[in-house]
Amino acid sequence: MNNNYALLWEKFIDALIYKNGYKKVLEGLFNTAQIAVVGLLIGIVIGTFIAIIRVMPKYKVLPRILDKICGCYVELFRGTPMMVQLLIGYNVLLPILGISVDSGLPVAIIVFGLNSGAYVSEIMRSGINSVDHGQMEAGRAMGLTYATTMLKIVIPQAVKNILPTLGNEFIVLVKETSITGYVATIDLTRAFTKLGSDSMSYVIPYLMLGVAYLVIVLLISWGVRSLEKRLKKSER
């Protein structure tokens, strides 16, 4: 048994180093980070915009119409699997639009951003609702517009309240990148799958893949906790 594992490790190291498999791993790591980070940033922008629309007073017709549109958007992306959204974006929408791409990376980033926007909007909405309503009233009393008060007073306080949840959303996006290989994207999962193919065994590559994702998630969790502590110190 020990000899078998030693042989598997030898084949894995050979595929990783001597067959330049590490280049694929680095590319996969970079693409995974790019999809998750840019996707989250897009999601925060879209989610914040939607959250503001959904919490604003509905006295006029336009806010009510925008609220319905945003509600449909959220239900659409929360109600369908990320995999399906990726496949539709890459295999349906691109051909319809007549767009040809060598890699599915741009599609993955856009889809992850749109999907994250739906979830972040609900997270941000709960964060905005957790801020004392008197903050909005104080801003308006100072002569600030609704949008200015929301962006400069309410949103910053809301972000502090939802930071752990945003961290969880980032972790979810990182783990979800494992499905982007289905749309011609080299992510960590596809890179380690290639190592398994080159080493003629998937045991060690998939174990190392699990370790890689675990380390990434632990680092993100540590970063979020550190940021929380700094924000708490700044409040004192």
C-alpha atoms as a PDB file:
ATOM      1  CA  MET A   1       0.000   0.000   0.000  1.00  0.00           C
ATOM      2  CA  ASN A   2       2.789   2.427   0.947  1.00  0.00           C
ATOM      3  CA  ASN A   3       4.592   1.651  -2.288  1.00  0.00           C
ATOM      4  CA  ASN A   4       1.413   2.400  -4.222  1.00  0.00           C
ATOM      5  CA  TYR A   5       1.044   5.830  -2.593  1.00  0.00           C
ATOM      6  CA  ALA A   6       4.734   6.537  -3.089  1.00  0.00           C
ATOM      7  CA  LEU A   7       4.299   5.755  -6.795  1.00  0.00           C
ATOM      8  CA  LEU A   8       1.223   7.998  -6.989  1.00  0.00           C
ATOM      9  CA  TRP A   9       3.140  10.861  -5.372  1.00  0.00           C
ATOM     10  CA  GLU A  10       6.040  10.316  -7.764  1.00  0.00           C
ATOM     11  CA  LYS A  11       3.719  10.491 -10.761  1.00  0.00           C
ATOM     12  CA  PHE A  12       1.986  13.580  -9.354  1.00  0.00           C
ATOM     13  CA  ILE A  13       5.275  15.420  -8.760  1.00  0.00           C
ATOM     14  CA  ASP A  14       6.445  14.438 -12.232  1.00  0.00           C
ATOM     15  CA  ALA A  15       3.260  15.823 -13.821  1.00  0.00           C
ATOM     16  CA  LEU A  16       3.331  18.939 -11.626  1.00  0.00           C
ATOM     17  CA  ILE A  17       6.978  19.931 -12.047  1.00  0.00           C
ATOM     18  CA  TYR A  18       8.674  18.098 -14.865  1.00  0.00           C
ATOM     19  CA  LYS A  19       5.701  18.217 -17.218  1.00  0.00           C
ATOM     20  CA  ASN A  20       5.056  21.892 -16.335  1.00  0.00           C
ATOM     21  CA  GLY A  21       1.728  21.162 -14.687  1.00  0.00           C
ATOM     22  CA  TYR A  22       2.406  23.946 -12.199  1.00  0.00           C
ATOM     23  CA  LYS A  23       1.856  26.457 -15.006  1.00  0.00           C
ATOM     24  CA  LYS A  24      -1.720  25.225 -15.407  1.00  0.00           C
ATOM     25  CA  VAL A  25      -2.203  25.335 -11.631  1.00  0.00           C
ATOM     26  CA  LEU A  26      -0.988  28.947 -11.457  1.00  0.00           C
ATOM     27  CA  GLU A  27      -3.205  29.878 -14.399  1.00  0.00           C
ATOM     28  CA  GLY A  28      -6.145  28.155 -12.734  1.00  0.00           C
ATOM     29  CA  LEU A  29      -5.447  29.900  -9.433  1.00  0.00           C
ATOM     30  CA  PHE A  30      -5.267  33.299 -11.155  1.00  0.00           C
ATOM     31  CA  ASN A  31      -8.490  32.682 -13.088  1.00  0.00           C
ATOM     32  CA  THR A  32     -10.271  31.443  -9.960  1.00  0.00           C
ATOM     33  CA  ALA A  33      -9.222  34.578  -8.061  1.00  0.00           C
ATOM     34  CA  GLN A  34     -10.140  36.811 -11.001  1.00  0.00           C
ATOM     35  CA  ILE A  35     -13.621  35.322 -11.391  1.00  0.00           C
ATOM     36  CA  ALA A  36     -14.376  35.458  -7.660  1.00  0.00           C
ATOM     37  CA  VAL A  37     -12.939  38.926  -6.956  1.00  0.00           C
ATOM     38  CA  VAL A  38     -14.253  40.727 -10.046  1.00  0.00           C
ATOM     39  CA  GLY A  39     -17.537  38.835  -9.793  1.00  0.00           C
ATOM     40  CA  LEU A  40     -17.980  39.992  -6.187  1.00  0.00           C
ATOM     41  CA  LEU A  41     -17.133  43.603  -7.083  1.00  0.00           C
ATOM     42  CA  ILE A  42     -19.703  43.549  -9.888  1.00  0.00           C
ATOM     43  CA  GLY A  43     -22.163  41.944  -7.498  1.00  0.00           C
ATOM     44  CA  ILE A  44     -21.595  44.636  -4.859  1.00  0.00           C
ATOM     45  CA  VAL A  45     -22.233  47.426  -7.385  1.00  0.00           C
ATOM     46  CA  ILE A  46     -25.368  45.775  -8.799  1.00  0.00           C
ATOM     47  CA  GLY A  47     -26.565  44.596  -5.391  1.00  0.00           C
ATOM     48  CA  THR A  48     -26.169  48.023  -3.790  1.00  0.00           C
ATOM     49  CA  PHE A  49     -28.078  49.678  -6.640  1.00  0.00           C
ATOM     50  CA  ILE A  50     -30.907  47.142  -6.378  1.00  0.00           C
ATOM     51  CA  ALA A  51     -31.018  47.372  -2.579  1.00  0.00           C
ATOM     52  CA  ILE A  52     -31.345  51.175  -2.705  1.00  0.00           C
ATOM     53  CA  ILE A  53     -34.212  50.893  -5.184  1.00  0.00           C
ATOM     54  CA  ARG A  54     -35.997  48.262  -3.105  1.00  0.00           C
ATOM     55  CA  VAL A  55     -35.846  50.228   0.156  1.00  0.00           C
ATOM     56  CA  MET A  56     -36.701  53.645  -1.260  1.00  0.00           C
ATOM     57  CA  PRO A  57     -40.235  55.021  -0.728  1.00  0.00           C
ATOM     58  CA  LYS A  58     -42.703  53.913  -3.402  1.00  0.00           C
ATOM     59  CA  TYR A  59     -44.771  57.097  -3.582  1.00  0.00           C
ATOM     60  CA  LYS A  60     -44.173  57.568  -7.308  1.00  0.00           C
ATOM     61  CA  VAL A  61     -44.729  55.275 -10.286  1.00  0.00           C
ATOM     62  CA  LEU A  62     -41.074  54.987 -11.389  1.00  0.00           C
ATOM     63  CA  PRO A  63     -39.769  53.564  -8.079  1.00  0.00           C
ATOM     64  CA  ARG A  64     -42.578  50.996  -8.108  1.00  0.00           C
ATOM     65  CA  ILE A  65     -41.731  49.928 -11.672  1.00  0.00           C
ATOM     66  CA  LEU A  66     -38.003  49.713 -10.874  1.00  0.00           C
ATOM     67  CA  ASP A  67     -38.800  47.703  -7.752  1.00  0.00           C
ATOM     68  CA  LYS A  68     -40.740  45.146  -9.818  1.00  0.00           C
ATOM     69  CA  ILE A  69     -37.900  44.882 -12.359  1.00  0.00           C
ATOM     70  CA  CYS A  70     -35.325  44.413  -9.600  1.00  0.00           C
ATOM     71  CA  GLY A  71     -37.527  41.816  -7.927  1.00  0.00           C
ATOM     72  CA  CYS A  72     -37.722  39.813 -11.181  1.00  0.00           C
ATOM     73  CA  TYR A  73     -33.943  40.078 -11.598  1.00  0.00           C
ATOM     74  CA  VAL A  74     -33.307  38.753  -8.084  1.00  0.00           C
ATOM     75  CA  GLU A  75     -35.763  35.870  -8.464  1.00  0.00           C
ATOM     76  CA  LEU A  76     -34.317  34.933 -11.873  1.00  0.00           C
ATOM     77  CA  PHE A  77     -30.718  34.619 -10.697  1.00  0.00           C
ATOM     78  CA  ARG A  78     -31.545  33.141  -7.303  1.00  0.00           C
ATOM     79  CA  GLY A  79     -34.021  30.680  -8.804  1.00  0.00           C
ATOM     80  CA  THR A  80     -31.723  29.086 -11.394  1.00  0.00           C
ATOM     81  CA  PRO A  81     -28.464  27.178 -10.813  1.00  0.00           C
ATOM     82  CA  MET A  82     -25.183  28.936 -11.547  1.00  0.00           C
ATOM     83  CA  MET A  83     -24.263  26.072 -13.870  1.00  0.00           C
ATOM     84  CA  VAL A  84     -27.357  26.672 -16.001  1.00  0.00           C
ATOM     85  CA  GLN A  85     -26.637  30.414 -16.142  1.00  0.00           C
ATOM     86  CA  LEU A  86     -23.081  29.733 -17.319  1.00  0.00           C
ATOM     87  CA  LEU A  87     -24.197  27.260 -19.975  1.00  0.00           C
ATOM     88  CA  ILE A  88     -26.890  29.615 -21.276  1.00  0.00           C
ATOM     89  CA  GLY A  89     -24.459  32.538 -21.331  1.00  0.00           C
ATOM     90  CA  TYR A  90     -21.735  30.616 -23.151  1.00  0.00           C
ATOM     91  CA  ASN A  91     -23.686  28.250 -25.414  1.00  0.00           C
ATOM     92  CA  VAL A  92     -26.865  30.259 -26.098  1.00  0.00           C
ATOM     93  CA  LEU A  93     -26.367  34.000 -25.698  1.00  0.00           C
ATOM     94  CA  LEU A  94     -22.912  34.235 -27.303  1.00  0.00           C
ATOM     95  CA  PRO A  95     -24.001  32.484 -30.536  1.00  0.00           C
ATOM     96  CA  ILE A  96     -27.193  34.596 -30.662  1.00  0.00           C
ATOM     97  CA  LEU A  97     -25.143  37.773 -30.306  1.00  0.00           C
ATOM     98  CA  GLY A  98     -22.616  36.501 -32.831  1.00  0.00           C
ATOM     99  CA  ILE A  99     -19.727  36.773 -30.368  1.00  0.00           C
ATOM    100  CA  SER A 100     -16.824  34.333 -30.588  1.00  0.00           C
ATOM    101  CA  VAL A 101     -14.393  33.921 -27.674  1.00  0.00           C
ATOM    102  CA  ASP A 102     -11.404  31.637 -27.182  1.00  0.00           C
ATOM    103  CA  SER A 103     -12.029  31.330 -23.444  1.00  0.00           C
ATOM    104  CA  GLY A 104     -15.130  31.310 -21.306  1.00  0.00           C
ATOM    105  CA  LEU A 105     -13.414  33.488 -18.692  1.00  0.00           C
ATOM    106  CA  PRO A 106     -15.221  36.763 -19.623  1.00  0.00           C
ATOM    107  CA  VAL A 107     -18.563  34.941 -19.628  1.00  0.00           C
ATOM    108  CA  ALA A 108     -17.794  33.373 -16.247  1.00  0.00           C
ATOM    109  CA  ILE A 109     -16.890  36.753 -14.724  1.00  0.00           C
ATOM    110  CA  ILE A 110     -20.073  38.407 -16.041  1.00  0.00           C
ATOM    111  CA  VAL A 111     -22.347  35.547 -14.969  1.00  0.00           C
ATOM    112  CA  PHE A 112     -20.748  35.343 -11.526  1.00  0.00           C
ATOM    113  CA  GLY A 113     -21.161  39.108 -11.162  1.00  0.00           C
ATOM    114  CA  LEU A 114     -24.815  39.050 -12.182  1.00  0.00           C
ATOM    115  CA  ASN A 115     -25.536  36.079  -9.936  1.00  0.00           C
ATOM    116  CA  SER A 116     -23.714  37.645  -6.998  1.00  0.00           C
ATOM    117  CA  GLY A 117     -25.627  40.895  -7.549  1.00  0.00           C
ATOM    118  CA  ALA A 118     -28.897  39.101  -6.817  1.00  0.00           C
ATOM    119  CA  TYR A 119     -27.621  37.700  -3.522  1.00  0.00           C
ATOM    120  CA  VAL A 120     -25.718  40.823  -2.474  1.00  0.00           C
ATOM    121  CA  SER A 121     -28.850  42.912  -3.065  1.00  0.00           C
ATOM    122  CA  GLU A 122     -30.697  40.952  -0.386  1.00  0.00           C
ATOM    123  CA  ILE A 123     -27.678  41.082   1.919  1.00  0.00           C
ATOM    124  CA  MET A 124     -27.334  44.828   1.408  1.00  0.00           C
ATOM    125  CA  ARG A 125     -31.065  45.370   1.850  1.00  0.00           C
ATOM    126  CA  SER A 126     -30.984  43.671   5.234  1.00  0.00           C
ATOM    127  CA  GLY A 127     -27.925  45.742   6.148  1.00  0.00           C
ATOM    128  CA  ILE A 128     -29.663  48.992   5.180  1.00  0.00           C
ATOM    129  CA  ASN A 129     -32.745  48.008   7.188  1.00  0.00           C
ATOM    130  CA  SER A 130     -30.528  47.326  10.217  1.00  0.00           C
ATOM    131  CA  VAL A 131     -29.334  50.957  10.263  1.00  0.00           C
ATOM    132  CA  ASP A 132     -31.377  53.240  12.498  1.00  0.00           C
ATOM    133  CA  HIS A 133     -33.933  55.112  10.403  1.00  0.00           C
ATOM    134  CA  GLY A 134     -32.937  58.263  12.249  1.00  0.00           C
ATOM    135  CA  GLN A 135     -29.708  58.307  10.243  1.00  0.00           C
ATOM    136  CA  MET A 136     -31.684  58.899   7.055  1.00  0.00           C
ATOM    137  CA  GLU A 137     -33.841  61.532   8.720  1.00  0.00           C
ATOM    138  CA  ALA A 138     -30.757  63.327  10.053  1.00  0.00           C
ATOM    139  CA  GLY A 139     -29.168  63.394   6.612  1.00  0.00           C
ATOM    140  CA  ARG A 140     -32.296  64.733   4.968  1.00  0.00           C
ATOM    141  CA  ALA A 141     -32.639  67.344   7.717  1.00  0.00           C
ATOM    142  CA  MET A 142     -29.137  68.557   6.834  1.00  0.00           C
ATOM    143  CA  GLY A 143     -30.324  69.207   3.279  1.00  0.00           C
ATOM    144  CA  LEU A 144     -28.799  66.096   1.666  1.00  0.00           C
ATOM    145  CA  THR A 145     -30.678  64.309  -1.084  1.00  0.00           C
ATOM    146  CA  TYR A 146     -32.003  60.795  -0.563  1.00  0.00           C
ATOM    147  CA  ALA A 147     -29.278  59.296  -2.777  1.00  0.00           C
ATOM    148  CA  THR A 148     -26.461  61.257  -1.090  1.00  0.00           C
ATOM    149  CA  THR A 149     -27.685  60.347   2.391  1.00  0.00           C
ATOM    150  CA  MET A 150     -27.949  56.700   1.395  1.00  0.00           C
ATOM    151  CA  LEU A 151     -24.485  56.524  -0.200  1.00  0.00           C
ATOM    152  CA  LYS A 152     -22.560  58.622   2.333  1.00  0.00           C
ATOM    153  CA  ILE A 153     -24.315  57.855   5.618  1.00  0.00           C
ATOM    154  CA  VAL A 154     -26.474  54.734   5.498  1.00  0.00           C
ATOM    155  CA  ILE A 155     -24.504  52.432   3.144  1.00  0.00           C
ATOM    156  CA  PRO A 156     -21.150  52.738   5.022  1.00  0.00           C
ATOM    157  CA  GLN A 157     -22.882  51.740   8.261  1.00  0.00           C
ATOM    158  CA  ALA A 158     -24.735  48.928   6.523  1.00  0.00           C
ATOM    159  CA  VAL A 159     -21.486  47.511   5.100  1.00  0.00           C
ATOM    160  CA  LYS A 160     -20.051  47.170   8.615  1.00  0.00           C
ATOM    161  CA  ASN A 161     -23.116  45.172   9.637  1.00  0.00           C
ATOM    162  CA  ILE A 162     -23.031  42.809   6.652  1.00  0.00           C
ATOM    163  CA  LEU A 163     -19.256  42.336   6.313  1.00  0.00           C
ATOM    164  CA  PRO A 164     -19.291  38.716   7.607  1.00  0.00           C
ATOM    165  CA  THR A 165     -22.104  37.846   5.191  1.00  0.00           C
ATOM    166  CA  LEU A 166     -20.233  39.459   2.295  1.00  0.00           C
ATOM    167  CA  GLY A 167     -17.238  37.356   3.290  1.00  0.00           C
ATOM    168  CA  ASN A 168     -19.411  34.250   3.076  1.00  0.00           C
ATOM    169  CA  GLU A 169     -20.611  35.331  -0.366  1.00  0.00           C
ATOM    170  CA  PHE A 170     -16.991  35.665  -1.489  1.00  0.00           C
ATOM    171  CA  ILE A 171     -16.223  32.171  -0.196  1.00  0.00           C
ATOM    172  CA  VAL A 172     -19.244  30.788  -2.063  1.00  0.00           C
ATOM    173  CA  LEU A 173     -18.055  32.423  -5.287  1.00  0.00           C
ATOM    174  CA  VAL A 174     -14.552  30.965  -4.875  1.00  0.00           C
ATOM    175  CA  LYS A 175     -15.949  27.457  -4.450  1.00  0.00           C
ATOM    176  CA  GLU A 176     -18.458  27.907  -7.283  1.00  0.00           C
ATOM    177  CA  THR A 177     -15.611  28.631  -9.716  1.00  0.00           C
ATOM    178  CA  SER A 178     -15.087  24.875  -9.810  1.00  0.00           C
ATOM    179  CA  ILE A 179     -17.898  24.657 -12.403  1.00  0.00           C
ATOM    180  CA  THR A 180     -16.387  27.148 -14.858  1.00  0.00           C
ATOM    181  CA  GLY A 181     -14.437  24.377 -16.569  1.00  0.00           C
ATOM    182  CA  TYR A 182     -17.677  23.507 -18.347  1.00  0.00           C
ATOM    183  CA  VAL A 183     -17.387  26.743 -20.339  1.00  0.00           C
ATOM    184  CA  ALA A 184     -13.784  26.376 -21.522  1.00  0.00           C
ATOM    185  CA  THR A 185     -12.174  28.122 -18.548  1.00  0.00           C
ATOM    186  CA  ILE A 186      -8.996  26.961 -16.822  1.00  0.00           C
ATOM    187  CA  ASP A 187      -9.793  27.159 -13.121  1.00  0.00           C
ATOM    188  CA  LEU A 188      -8.221  25.301 -10.193  1.00  0.00           C
ATOM    189  CA  THR A 189     -10.470  22.269 -10.615  1.00  0.00           C
ATOM    190  CA  ARG A 190      -9.727  21.903 -14.311  1.00  0.00           C
ATOM    191  CA  ALA A 191      -5.992  22.449 -13.708  1.00  0.00           C
ATOM    192  CA  PHE A 192      -5.831  19.645 -11.137  1.00  0.00           C
ATOM    193  CA  THR A 193      -7.986  17.434 -13.348  1.00  0.00           C
ATOM    194  CA  LYS A 194      -5.360  17.908 -16.075  1.00  0.00           C
ATOM    195  CA  LEU A 195      -2.699  16.868 -13.558  1.00  0.00           C
ATOM    196  CA  GLY A 196      -4.701  13.725 -12.844  1.00  0.00           C
ATOM    197  CA  SER A 197      -4.865  12.952 -16.543  1.00  0.00           C
ATOM    198  CA  ASP A 198      -1.119  13.504 -16.988  1.00  0.00           C
ATOM    199  CA  SER A 199      -0.204  11.419 -13.932  1.00  0.00           C
ATOM    200  CA  MET A 200      -2.753   8.714 -14.869  1.00  0.00           C
ATOM    201  CA  SER A 201      -4.259   8.873 -11.372  1.00  0.00           C
ATOM    202  CA  TYR A 202      -6.708  11.352  -9.844  1.00  0.00           C
ATOM    203  CA  VAL A 203      -6.192  10.374  -6.185  1.00  0.00           C
ATOM    204  CA  ILE A 204      -3.386  12.794  -5.268  1.00  0.00           C
ATOM    205  CA  PRO A 205      -4.441  15.646  -7.602  1.00  0.00           C
ATOM    206  CA  TYR A 206      -7.993  15.732  -6.215  1.00  0.00           C
ATOM    207  CA  LEU A 207      -6.740  15.528  -2.622  1.00  0.00           C
ATOM    208  CA  MET A 208      -4.425  18.468  -3.320  1.00  0.00           C
ATOM    209  CA  LEU A 209      -7.322  20.298  -4.986  1.00  0.00           C
ATOM    210  CA  GLY A 210      -9.361  19.944  -1.797  1.00  0.00           C
ATOM    211  CA  VAL A 211      -6.432  21.224   0.265  1.00  0.00           C
ATOM    212  CA  ALA A 212      -5.983  24.191  -2.095  1.00  0.00           C
ATOM    213  CA  TYR A 213      -9.618  25.271  -1.766  1.00  0.00           C
ATOM    214  CA  LEU A 214      -9.476  24.795   2.012  1.00  0.00           C
ATOM    215  CA  VAL A 215      -6.394  27.012   2.317  1.00  0.00           C
ATOM    216  CA  ILE A 216      -7.993  29.711   0.150  1.00  0.00           C
ATOM    217  CA  VAL A 217     -11.192  29.689   2.237  1.00  0.00           C
ATOM    218  CA  LEU A 218      -9.235  29.823   5.500  1.00  0.00           C
ATOM    219  CA  LEU A 219      -7.238  32.808   4.233  1.00  0.00           C
ATOM    220  CA  ILE A 220     -10.431  34.629   3.211  1.00  0.00           C
ATOM    221  CA  SER A 221     -12.018  33.902   6.600  1.00  0.00           C
ATOM    222  CA  TRP A 222      -8.923  35.205   8.374  1.00  0.00           C
ATOM    223  CA  GLY A 223      -8.928  38.354   6.218  1.00  0.00           C
ATOM    224  CA  VAL A 224     -12.617  39.058   6.934  1.00  0.00           C
ATOM    225  CA  ARG A 225     -12.122  38.586  10.690  1.00  0.00           C
ATOM    226  CA  SER A 226      -9.095  40.907  10.636  1.00  0.00           C
ATOM    227  CA  LEU A 227     -11.076  43.566   8.772  1.00  0.00           C
ATOM    228  CA  GLU A 228     -13.941  43.234  11.258  1.00  0.00           C
ATOM    229  CA  LYS A 229     -11.558  43.814  14.172  1.00  0.00           C
ATOM    230  CA  ARG A 230     -10.094  46.915  12.515  1.00  0.00           C
ATOM    231  CA  LEU A 231     -13.539  48.349  11.877  1.00  0.00           C
ATOM    232  CA  LYS A 232     -14.535  47.740  15.486  1.00  0.00           C
ATOM    233  CA  LYS A 233     -11.403  49.503  16.711  1.00  0.00           C
ATOM    234  CA  SER A 234     -12.134  52.493  14.468  1.00  0.00           C
ATOM    235  CA  GLU A 235     -15.565  52.850  16.092  1.00  0.00           C
ATOM    236  CA  ARG A 236     -14.088  53.358  19.544  1.00  0.00           C
END
